[in-house]
Amino acid sequence: MTTTLSPARSGAGSRPGSARGPLAAGAEVRLVLPAYGPGERPDGRPLPAVAVLGRSNVGKSSLLNALLGTKAARVSRTPGRTQALFWYRVGDRFDVVDCPGYGYAKSSHAAREAFSLLIEELVTGHNGGTPARFPPAPSRLSLALLLVDARLAPQESDLSMSLFLRESSVPSLVAATKWDAVKPSRRVRQLRSLSAAFAAPDRPLLPVSAETGENLSELVRLLRAALSSPSPKE
């Protein structure tokens, strides 16, 4: 079922369901599918898509809401709230896929396995032979946006996800979230450490803050460039 979302802040001239975030740029944002099983995809013709990945409690929901200008994702202090692939359609131009957070120790083993399978199938287009409600769909991701916590040293689970994306040949971009919480005296050293772990000539790393808006315009520029590029070959 499709759900049209309300803007985070309403203003004169804004139409119902339109968003005012920099990535949405006034377009309507709709939840078109919560996918609980591998192979589930929105109906209709495929659109360019960006998958948003990150550890639980990395600030994924806050960043998504800032980018889209609507309360697309529920912000919670409790990790592990996202338990499906939530496909948000922006103005019938592209999709943003909010993925379950990984690395949350209190999730059951079965839940972690299910989330891992959902993400693996989304990225690779293969479900590892596990039966699904729908046949496996080939990957049509334009980009994977990997979020890492700027306050922390590189985490093992993030390094594993980074390697998985590299081996899957999916174009990716790394955003270091909560940059506003990093003290100015630590920023140069912290950015150097994160860049050494995650960045590459074809994979930029950008420190961002959903709270202050720092570097969000540059992140949007990179996302739009990826979404307008030809889809990866299947």
C-alpha atoms as a PDB file:
ATOM      1  CA  MET A   1       0.000   0.000   0.000  1.00  0.00           C
ATOM      2  CA  THR A   2       1.308   3.435  -0.923  1.00  0.00           C
ATOM      3  CA  THR A   3       1.441   6.069   1.817  1.00  0.00           C
ATOM      4  CA  THR A   4       1.919   9.758   1.030  1.00  0.00           C
ATOM      5  CA  LEU A   5       3.973  11.450   3.713  1.00  0.00           C
ATOM      6  CA  SER A   6       3.456  14.872   5.199  1.00  0.00           C
ATOM      7  CA  PRO A   7       6.217  17.455   5.073  1.00  0.00           C
ATOM      8  CA  ALA A   8       8.298  17.891   8.197  1.00  0.00           C
ATOM      9  CA  ARG A   9       7.508  21.597   8.063  1.00  0.00           C
ATOM     10  CA  SER A  10       4.570  23.020   6.176  1.00  0.00           C
ATOM     11  CA  GLY A  11       4.782  26.363   4.409  1.00  0.00           C
ATOM     12  CA  ALA A  12       2.793  28.600   2.126  1.00  0.00           C
ATOM     13  CA  GLY A  13       2.407  27.086  -1.281  1.00  0.00           C
ATOM     14  CA  SER A  14       3.534  23.593  -0.316  1.00  0.00           C
ATOM     15  CA  ARG A  15       1.211  20.894  -1.555  1.00  0.00           C
ATOM     16  CA  PRO A  16       0.066  18.002   0.627  1.00  0.00           C
ATOM     17  CA  GLY A  17       2.717  15.297   0.768  1.00  0.00           C
ATOM     18  CA  SER A  18       5.393  17.431  -0.861  1.00  0.00           C
ATOM     19  CA  ALA A  19       8.762  17.594   0.840  1.00  0.00           C
ATOM     20  CA  ARG A  20      11.131  20.477   1.264  1.00  0.00           C
ATOM     21  CA  GLY A  21      14.389  18.653   1.927  1.00  0.00           C
ATOM     22  CA  PRO A  22      17.316  19.338  -0.416  1.00  0.00           C
ATOM     23  CA  LEU A  23      17.193  15.919  -2.075  1.00  0.00           C
ATOM     24  CA  ALA A  24      13.412  15.914  -2.601  1.00  0.00           C
ATOM     25  CA  ALA A  25      13.370  19.586  -3.684  1.00  0.00           C
ATOM     26  CA  GLY A  26       9.607  19.975  -3.229  1.00  0.00           C
ATOM     27  CA  ALA A  27       8.691  16.612  -4.765  1.00  0.00           C
ATOM     28  CA  GLU A  28       6.121  14.306  -3.230  1.00  0.00           C
ATOM     29  CA  VAL A  29       7.623  11.564  -1.044  1.00  0.00           C
ATOM     30  CA  ARG A  30       5.650   8.322  -0.723  1.00  0.00           C
ATOM     31  CA  LEU A  31       6.266   5.074   1.103  1.00  0.00           C
ATOM     32  CA  VAL A  32       5.567   2.618  -1.719  1.00  0.00           C
ATOM     33  CA  LEU A  33       6.700  -0.639  -0.121  1.00  0.00           C
ATOM     34  CA  PRO A  34       7.869  -2.068   3.194  1.00  0.00           C
ATOM     35  CA  ALA A  35       9.704  -5.185   1.956  1.00  0.00           C
ATOM     36  CA  TYR A  36       9.948  -7.924   4.565  1.00  0.00           C
ATOM     37  CA  GLY A  37      11.148 -10.680   2.240  1.00  0.00           C
ATOM     38  CA  PRO A  38      13.992 -11.015  -0.299  1.00  0.00           C
ATOM     39  CA  GLY A  39      12.957 -10.242  -3.860  1.00  0.00           C
ATOM     40  CA  GLU A  40      10.139  -7.839  -2.998  1.00  0.00           C
ATOM     41  CA  ARG A  41      10.182  -4.715  -5.167  1.00  0.00           C
ATOM     42  CA  PRO A  42       7.770  -1.838  -5.815  1.00  0.00           C
ATOM     43  CA  ASP A  43       5.312  -2.347  -8.655  1.00  0.00           C
ATOM     44  CA  GLY A  44       5.802  -0.606 -11.966  1.00  0.00           C
ATOM     45  CA  ARG A  45       8.871   0.302 -13.936  1.00  0.00           C
ATOM     46  CA  PRO A  46      12.161   0.271 -12.030  1.00  0.00           C
ATOM     47  CA  LEU A  47      13.548   3.670 -11.063  1.00  0.00           C
ATOM     48  CA  PRO A  48      17.065   4.673 -10.056  1.00  0.00           C
ATOM     49  CA  ALA A  49      17.543   3.806  -6.394  1.00  0.00           C
ATOM     50  CA  VAL A  50      19.904   4.581  -3.549  1.00  0.00           C
ATOM     51  CA  ALA A  51      20.166   2.218  -0.573  1.00  0.00           C
ATOM     52  CA  VAL A  52      20.971   3.785   2.798  1.00  0.00           C
ATOM     53  CA  LEU A  53      22.989   1.426   4.997  1.00  0.00           C
ATOM     54  CA  GLY A  54      24.563   1.711   8.422  1.00  0.00           C
ATOM     55  CA  ARG A  55      24.928   0.309  11.896  1.00  0.00           C
ATOM     56  CA  SER A  56      22.039   0.608  14.310  1.00  0.00           C
ATOM     57  CA  ASN A  57      21.917   4.034  15.956  1.00  0.00           C
ATOM     58  CA  VAL A  58      24.196   5.661  13.371  1.00  0.00           C
ATOM     59  CA  GLY A  59      21.673   8.459  12.801  1.00  0.00           C
ATOM     60  CA  LYS A  60      20.194   7.057   9.611  1.00  0.00           C
ATOM     61  CA  SER A  61      16.635   8.169  10.287  1.00  0.00           C
ATOM     62  CA  SER A  62      17.669  11.719  11.184  1.00  0.00           C
ATOM     63  CA  LEU A  63      19.748  12.054   8.029  1.00  0.00           C
ATOM     64  CA  LEU A  64      17.003  10.642   5.808  1.00  0.00           C
ATOM     65  CA  ASN A  65      14.454  13.050   7.238  1.00  0.00           C
ATOM     66  CA  ALA A  66      16.827  15.984   6.738  1.00  0.00           C
ATOM     67  CA  LEU A  67      17.515  15.009   3.134  1.00  0.00           C
ATOM     68  CA  LEU A  68      13.884  14.389   2.214  1.00  0.00           C
ATOM     69  CA  GLY A  69      12.336  17.160   4.312  1.00  0.00           C
ATOM     70  CA  THR A  70       9.656  14.842   5.620  1.00  0.00           C
ATOM     71  CA  LYS A  71       9.265  12.445   8.513  1.00  0.00           C
ATOM     72  CA  ALA A  72       9.943   9.467   6.319  1.00  0.00           C
ATOM     73  CA  ALA A  73      11.809   7.524   8.964  1.00  0.00           C
ATOM     74  CA  ARG A  74      10.982   7.311  12.642  1.00  0.00           C
ATOM     75  CA  VAL A  75      13.759   8.726  14.809  1.00  0.00           C
ATOM     76  CA  SER A  76      14.296   6.631  17.924  1.00  0.00           C
ATOM     77  CA  ARG A  77      16.897   6.307  20.657  1.00  0.00           C
ATOM     78  CA  THR A  78      16.289   2.559  20.586  1.00  0.00           C
ATOM     79  CA  PRO A  79      18.486   0.749  18.031  1.00  0.00           C
ATOM     80  CA  GLY A  80      17.015  -1.813  15.664  1.00  0.00           C
ATOM     81  CA  ARG A  81      13.694  -0.074  14.908  1.00  0.00           C
ATOM     82  CA  THR A  82      13.931  -0.485  11.120  1.00  0.00           C
ATOM     83  CA  GLN A  83      13.054  -4.118  10.411  1.00  0.00           C
ATOM     84  CA  ALA A  84      12.315  -4.095   6.688  1.00  0.00           C
ATOM     85  CA  LEU A  85      13.472  -2.446   3.472  1.00  0.00           C
ATOM     86  CA  PHE A  86      11.376   0.715   3.319  1.00  0.00           C
ATOM     87  CA  TRP A  87      11.134   1.958  -0.277  1.00  0.00           C
ATOM     88  CA  TYR A  88      10.405   5.704  -0.492  1.00  0.00           C
ATOM     89  CA  ARG A  89       9.552   7.131  -3.915  1.00  0.00           C
ATOM     90  CA  VAL A  90      10.526  10.734  -4.559  1.00  0.00           C
ATOM     91  CA  GLY A  91       8.403  12.438  -7.209  1.00  0.00           C
ATOM     92  CA  ASP A  92       8.339   9.306  -9.400  1.00  0.00           C
ATOM     93  CA  ARG A  93      11.970  10.125 -10.227  1.00  0.00           C
ATOM     94  CA  PHE A  94      13.931   7.825  -7.928  1.00  0.00           C
ATOM     95  CA  ASP A  95      13.667   5.565  -4.871  1.00  0.00           C
ATOM     96  CA  VAL A  96      15.403   5.809  -1.513  1.00  0.00           C
ATOM     97  CA  VAL A  97      15.653   2.478   0.340  1.00  0.00           C
ATOM     98  CA  ASP A  98      15.944   2.664   4.130  1.00  0.00           C
ATOM     99  CA  CYS A  99      17.674  -0.575   5.176  1.00  0.00           C
ATOM    100  CA  PRO A 100      17.684  -2.284   8.594  1.00  0.00           C
ATOM    101  CA  GLY A 101      20.575  -1.298  10.810  1.00  0.00           C
ATOM    102  CA  TYR A 102      23.219  -3.957  11.321  1.00  0.00           C
ATOM    103  CA  GLY A 103      25.461  -4.727  14.273  1.00  0.00           C
ATOM    104  CA  TYR A 104      22.833  -4.482  17.021  1.00  0.00           C
ATOM    105  CA  ALA A 105      23.886  -7.163  19.517  1.00  0.00           C
ATOM    106  CA  LYS A 106      20.472  -7.415  21.218  1.00  0.00           C
ATOM    107  CA  SER A 107      18.732  -8.468  18.004  1.00  0.00           C
ATOM    108  CA  SER A 108      18.049 -12.183  17.890  1.00  0.00           C
ATOM    109  CA  HIS A 109      20.257 -14.341  15.709  1.00  0.00           C
ATOM    110  CA  ALA A 110      17.276 -15.063  13.449  1.00  0.00           C
ATOM    111  CA  ALA A 111      16.542 -11.344  13.064  1.00  0.00           C
ATOM    112  CA  ARG A 112      20.169 -10.555  12.219  1.00  0.00           C
ATOM    113  CA  GLU A 113      20.188 -13.314   9.623  1.00  0.00           C
ATOM    114  CA  ALA A 114      16.946 -12.049   8.087  1.00  0.00           C
ATOM    115  CA  PHE A 115      18.222  -8.461   7.897  1.00  0.00           C
ATOM    116  CA  SER A 116      21.500  -9.654   6.388  1.00  0.00           C
ATOM    117  CA  LEU A 117      19.625 -11.614   3.730  1.00  0.00           C
ATOM    118  CA  LEU A 118      17.446  -8.622   2.845  1.00  0.00           C
ATOM    119  CA  ILE A 119      20.484  -6.386   2.389  1.00  0.00           C
ATOM    120  CA  GLU A 120      22.478  -9.005   0.487  1.00  0.00           C
ATOM    121  CA  GLU A 121      19.660  -9.595  -1.982  1.00  0.00           C
ATOM    122  CA  LEU A 122      19.077  -5.886  -2.451  1.00  0.00           C
ATOM    123  CA  VAL A 123      22.741  -5.247  -3.243  1.00  0.00           C
ATOM    124  CA  THR A 124      23.556  -8.351  -5.288  1.00  0.00           C
ATOM    125  CA  GLY A 125      20.156  -9.382  -6.675  1.00  0.00           C
ATOM    126  CA  HIS A 126      20.664 -12.910  -5.331  1.00  0.00           C
ATOM    127  CA  ASN A 127      19.073 -14.477  -2.268  1.00  0.00           C
ATOM    128  CA  GLY A 128      21.537 -17.318  -1.795  1.00  0.00           C
ATOM    129  CA  GLY A 129      18.988 -19.971  -2.725  1.00  0.00           C
ATOM    130  CA  THR A 130      16.712 -19.119   0.182  1.00  0.00           C
ATOM    131  CA  PRO A 131      13.012 -19.353  -0.749  1.00  0.00           C
ATOM    132  CA  ALA A 132      11.338 -15.962  -1.020  1.00  0.00           C
ATOM    133  CA  ARG A 133       7.818 -14.671  -1.494  1.00  0.00           C
ATOM    134  CA  PHE A 134       8.892 -13.316  -4.869  1.00  0.00           C
ATOM    135  CA  PRO A 135      11.577 -14.416  -7.346  1.00  0.00           C
ATOM    136  CA  PRO A 136      14.959 -12.713  -6.892  1.00  0.00           C
ATOM    137  CA  ALA A 137      15.110  -9.360  -8.666  1.00  0.00           C
ATOM    138  CA  PRO A 138      18.351  -8.170 -10.276  1.00  0.00           C
ATOM    139  CA  SER A 139      20.049  -5.315  -8.501  1.00  0.00           C
ATOM    140  CA  ARG A 140      19.159  -1.908  -9.895  1.00  0.00           C
ATOM    141  CA  LEU A 141      20.851   0.219  -7.288  1.00  0.00           C
ATOM    142  CA  SER A 142      22.415   3.389  -8.571  1.00  0.00           C
ATOM    143  CA  LEU A 143      24.284   3.877  -5.310  1.00  0.00           C
ATOM    144  CA  ALA A 144      24.797   2.544  -1.811  1.00  0.00           C
ATOM    145  CA  LEU A 145      25.091   5.289   0.802  1.00  0.00           C
ATOM    146  CA  LEU A 146      27.050   3.834   3.707  1.00  0.00           C
ATOM    147  CA  LEU A 147      26.717   5.734   6.982  1.00  0.00           C
ATOM    148  CA  VAL A 148      29.423   5.517   9.646  1.00  0.00           C
ATOM    149  CA  ASP A 149      29.503   7.262  13.025  1.00  0.00           C
ATOM    150  CA  ALA A 150      31.973  10.138  12.834  1.00  0.00           C
ATOM    151  CA  ARG A 151      32.535  10.045  16.599  1.00  0.00           C
ATOM    152  CA  LEU A 152      33.954   6.510  16.570  1.00  0.00           C
ATOM    153  CA  ALA A 153      37.008   4.735  15.254  1.00  0.00           C
ATOM    154  CA  PRO A 154      36.302   2.562  12.182  1.00  0.00           C
ATOM    155  CA  GLN A 155      34.027  -0.269  13.312  1.00  0.00           C
ATOM    156  CA  GLU A 156      34.505  -3.873  12.234  1.00  0.00           C
ATOM    157  CA  SER A 157      30.908  -4.219  11.019  1.00  0.00           C
ATOM    158  CA  ASP A 158      31.244  -1.061   8.896  1.00  0.00           C
ATOM    159  CA  LEU A 159      34.530  -2.304   7.435  1.00  0.00           C
ATOM    160  CA  SER A 160      32.825  -5.589   6.542  1.00  0.00           C
ATOM    161  CA  MET A 161      29.935  -3.772   4.855  1.00  0.00           C
ATOM    162  CA  SER A 162      32.394  -1.543   2.995  1.00  0.00           C
ATOM    163  CA  LEU A 163      34.222  -4.604   1.694  1.00  0.00           C
ATOM    164  CA  PHE A 164      30.945  -6.315   0.747  1.00  0.00           C
ATOM    165  CA  LEU A 165      29.864  -3.301  -1.312  1.00  0.00           C
ATOM    166  CA  ARG A 166      33.259  -3.186  -3.001  1.00  0.00           C
ATOM    167  CA  GLU A 167      33.158  -6.879  -3.880  1.00  0.00           C
ATOM    168  CA  SER A 168      29.576  -6.505  -5.152  1.00  0.00           C
ATOM    169  CA  SER A 169      30.709  -3.745  -7.566  1.00  0.00           C
ATOM    170  CA  VAL A 170      27.997  -1.393  -6.320  1.00  0.00           C
ATOM    171  CA  PRO A 171      28.905   2.316  -6.549  1.00  0.00           C
ATOM    172  CA  SER A 172      29.082   3.680  -3.029  1.00  0.00           C
ATOM    173  CA  LEU A 173      29.514   6.839  -1.015  1.00  0.00           C
ATOM    174  CA  VAL A 174      30.369   7.091   2.679  1.00  0.00           C
ATOM    175  CA  ALA A 175      28.806   9.713   4.940  1.00  0.00           C
ATOM    176  CA  ALA A 176      30.269  10.176   8.424  1.00  0.00           C
ATOM    177  CA  THR A 177      27.238  11.175  10.510  1.00  0.00           C
ATOM    178  CA  LYS A 178      26.984  13.231  13.716  1.00  0.00           C
ATOM    179  CA  TRP A 179      29.906  15.404  12.637  1.00  0.00           C
ATOM    180  CA  ASP A 180      28.594  18.207  14.845  1.00  0.00           C
ATOM    181  CA  ALA A 181      29.374  16.032  17.877  1.00  0.00           C
ATOM    182  CA  VAL A 182      33.078  15.763  16.981  1.00  0.00           C
ATOM    183  CA  LYS A 183      35.140  18.402  18.761  1.00  0.00           C
ATOM    184  CA  PRO A 184      36.990  20.797  16.432  1.00  0.00           C
ATOM    185  CA  SER A 185      40.298  19.725  17.987  1.00  0.00           C
ATOM    186  CA  ARG A 186      39.657  16.118  16.901  1.00  0.00           C
ATOM    187  CA  ARG A 187      38.212  16.691  13.460  1.00  0.00           C
ATOM    188  CA  VAL A 188      41.382  16.552  11.348  1.00  0.00           C
ATOM    189  CA  ARG A 189      42.642  13.370  13.014  1.00  0.00           C
ATOM    190  CA  GLN A 190      39.209  11.709  12.977  1.00  0.00           C
ATOM    191  CA  LEU A 191      38.587  12.517   9.315  1.00  0.00           C
ATOM    192  CA  ARG A 192      42.020  11.176   8.409  1.00  0.00           C
ATOM    193  CA  SER A 193      41.308   7.915  10.243  1.00  0.00           C
ATOM    194  CA  LEU A 194      37.887   7.414   8.647  1.00  0.00           C
ATOM    195  CA  SER A 195      39.133   8.317   5.166  1.00  0.00           C
ATOM    196  CA  ALA A 196      41.992   5.820   5.443  1.00  0.00           C
ATOM    197  CA  ALA A 197      39.507   3.081   6.349  1.00  0.00           C
ATOM    198  CA  PHE A 198      36.668   3.800   3.926  1.00  0.00           C
ATOM    199  CA  ALA A 199      37.510   6.313   1.209  1.00  0.00           C
ATOM    200  CA  ALA A 200      38.889   5.516  -2.241  1.00  0.00           C
ATOM    201  CA  PRO A 201      39.335   7.404  -5.520  1.00  0.00           C
ATOM    202  CA  ASP A 202      35.902   6.192  -6.628  1.00  0.00           C
ATOM    203  CA  ARG A 203      34.323   6.345  -3.155  1.00  0.00           C
ATOM    204  CA  PRO A 204      34.271   9.751  -1.451  1.00  0.00           C
ATOM    205  CA  LEU A 205      33.811  10.127   2.289  1.00  0.00           C
ATOM    206  CA  LEU A 206      31.942  13.178   3.515  1.00  0.00           C
ATOM    207  CA  PRO A 207      31.417  14.244   7.147  1.00  0.00           C
ATOM    208  CA  VAL A 208      27.820  15.416   7.618  1.00  0.00           C
ATOM    209  CA  SER A 209      25.417  16.584  10.304  1.00  0.00           C
ATOM    210  CA  ALA A 210      21.649  16.235  10.155  1.00  0.00           C
ATOM    211  CA  GLU A 211      21.483  18.517  13.185  1.00  0.00           C
ATOM    212  CA  THR A 212      23.335  21.531  11.730  1.00  0.00           C
ATOM    213  CA  GLY A 213      23.048  20.748   8.008  1.00  0.00           C
ATOM    214  CA  GLU A 214      26.827  20.757   7.585  1.00  0.00           C
ATOM    215  CA  ASN A 215      27.855  19.381   4.167  1.00  0.00           C
ATOM    216  CA  LEU A 216      24.307  18.230   3.339  1.00  0.00           C
ATOM    217  CA  SER A 217      24.304  20.287   0.131  1.00  0.00           C
ATOM    218  CA  GLU A 218      27.461  18.526  -1.059  1.00  0.00           C
ATOM    219  CA  LEU A 219      25.984  15.150  -0.121  1.00  0.00           C
ATOM    220  CA  VAL A 220      22.879  15.978  -2.149  1.00  0.00           C
ATOM    221  CA  ARG A 221      25.028  16.963  -5.125  1.00  0.00           C
ATOM    222  CA  LEU A 222      26.822  13.607  -5.023  1.00  0.00           C
ATOM    223  CA  LEU A 223      23.553  11.686  -4.629  1.00  0.00           C
ATOM    224  CA  ARG A 224      21.907  13.463  -7.550  1.00  0.00           C
ATOM    225  CA  ALA A 225      24.933  12.814  -9.747  1.00  0.00           C
ATOM    226  CA  ALA A 226      24.762   9.091  -8.930  1.00  0.00           C
ATOM    227  CA  LEU A 227      21.009   8.911  -9.480  1.00  0.00           C
ATOM    228  CA  SER A 228      21.292  10.577 -12.878  1.00  0.00           C
ATOM    229  CA  SER A 229      24.068   8.237 -14.046  1.00  0.00           C
ATOM    230  CA  PRO A 230      23.270   5.091 -16.073  1.00  0.00           C
ATOM    231  CA  SER A 231      22.344   2.116 -13.898  1.00  0.00           C
ATOM    232  CA  PRO A 232      25.042  -0.466 -13.260  1.00  0.00           C
ATOM    233  CA  LYS A 233      25.044  -3.348 -15.729  1.00  0.00           C
ATOM    234  CA  GLU A 234      23.148  -6.336 -14.451  1.00  0.00           C
END
